[in-house]
Amino acid sequence: MQTEHLVVSGMSCGGCVSRVKKALEAVPGVVGVEITLSNGKVDVSYDEGLARPAQITAAVERAGYSVGATSADVPSQSKGCCR
């Protein structure tokens, strides 16, 4: 098992958290997702034989959020589910 630690920008409510979690759990090999809304931290546990970090990042981006910037670098922006 591996754990990928991401910082996801754009999440502003529980709906955003649910959307990101659902997108990540749909990636084959992902076995756990922990999200902290206040700072955008997302920890993803996965089987490295089934999933790759690029697949995890792509799932978050397909859900409409940005990966990799720190919370301080990118201001939070609401998405369609939050408006």
Protein backbone atom coordinates (compact mmCIF):
# COMPACT_ATOMS: atom_id res chain seq x y z
CA MET A 1 0.00 0.00 0.00
CA GLN A 2 1.08 3.53 -0.78
CA THR A 3 -0.30 6.87 0.33
CA GLU A 4 -0.38 9.90 -1.93
CA HIS A 5 -0.55 13.27 -0.14
CA LEU A 6 -2.19 15.99 -2.22
CA VAL A 7 -3.24 19.58 -1.75
CA VAL A 8 -6.46 20.21 -3.66
CA SER A 9 -7.62 23.75 -4.31
CA GLY A 10 -11.16 24.80 -5.04
CA MET A 11 -12.99 22.78 -2.40
CA SER A 12 -15.23 25.06 -0.36
CA CYS A 13 -17.96 22.87 1.15
CA GLY A 14 -19.03 19.37 2.07
CA GLY A 15 -20.41 18.87 -1.44
CA CYS A 16 -16.96 19.51 -2.87
CA VAL A 17 -15.44 17.02 -0.45
CA SER A 18 -18.00 14.40 -1.47
CA ARG A 19 -17.35 15.01 -5.15
CA VAL A 20 -13.57 14.65 -4.78
CA LYS A 21 -13.90 11.58 -2.56
CA LYS A 22 -16.29 9.88 -5.00
CA ALA A 23 -13.95 10.62 -7.93
CA LEU A 24 -10.97 9.17 -6.08
CA GLU A 25 -12.81 6.09 -4.86
CA ALA A 26 -13.71 5.32 -8.49
CA VAL A 27 -10.03 4.83 -9.36
CA PRO A 28 -9.25 1.09 -9.35
CA GLY A 29 -6.86 0.31 -6.51
CA VAL A 30 -7.81 3.23 -4.25
CA VAL A 31 -8.68 1.81 -0.83
CA GLY A 32 -9.02 4.93 1.33
CA VAL A 33 -9.50 8.68 1.05
CA GLU A 34 -9.16 11.21 3.88
CA ILE A 35 -9.95 14.86 3.15
CA THR A 36 -9.48 17.94 5.33
CA LEU A 37 -11.60 20.72 3.86
CA SER A 38 -10.02 23.57 5.84
CA ASN A 39 -6.59 23.20 4.24
CA GLY A 40 -7.37 21.13 1.15
CA LYS A 41 -5.23 18.19 2.25
CA VAL A 42 -6.18 14.89 0.66
CA ASP A 43 -4.53 11.60 1.62
CA VAL A 44 -5.20 8.72 -0.75
CA SER A 45 -4.25 5.14 0.15
CA TYR A 46 -3.90 2.87 -2.86
CA ASP A 47 -2.49 -0.39 -4.15
CA GLU A 48 0.51 0.62 -6.24
CA GLY A 49 -0.02 -2.45 -8.44
CA LEU A 50 -3.40 -1.13 -9.56
CA ALA A 51 -3.20 2.67 -9.39
CA ARG A 52 -0.60 5.30 -10.21
CA PRO A 53 -0.23 8.82 -8.79
CA ALA A 54 -1.03 10.28 -12.23
CA GLN A 55 -4.40 8.47 -12.23
CA ILE A 56 -5.20 9.88 -8.80
CA THR A 57 -4.34 13.42 -9.84
CA ALA A 58 -6.31 13.06 -13.08
CA ALA A 59 -9.41 11.91 -11.17
CA VAL A 60 -9.34 15.04 -9.01
CA GLU A 61 -8.84 17.27 -12.05
CA ARG A 62 -11.71 15.57 -13.93
CA ALA A 63 -13.91 16.35 -10.92
CA GLY A 64 -13.10 20.05 -11.51
CA TYR A 65 -10.43 20.80 -8.92
CA SER A 66 -6.72 21.68 -9.03
CA VAL A 67 -3.97 19.56 -7.53
CA GLY A 68 -0.55 20.56 -6.33
CA ALA A 69 -0.78 24.19 -5.26
CA THR A 70 -0.71 24.98 -1.57
CA SER A 71 -3.78 26.48 0.05
CA ALA A 72 -1.93 29.78 0.42
CA ASP A 73 -0.94 29.89 -3.27
CA VAL A 74 -4.42 29.54 -4.79
CA PRO A 75 -7.52 31.13 -3.27
CA SER A 76 -10.44 28.79 -2.83
CA GLN A 77 -13.01 29.07 -5.61
CA SER A 78 -16.43 27.55 -5.45
CA LYS A 79 -17.47 25.01 -8.09
CA GLY A 80 -20.85 24.29 -9.58
CA CYS A 81 -21.91 22.17 -6.63
CA CYS A 82 -21.27 25.03 -4.21
CA ARG A 83 -22.98 27.92 -5.90
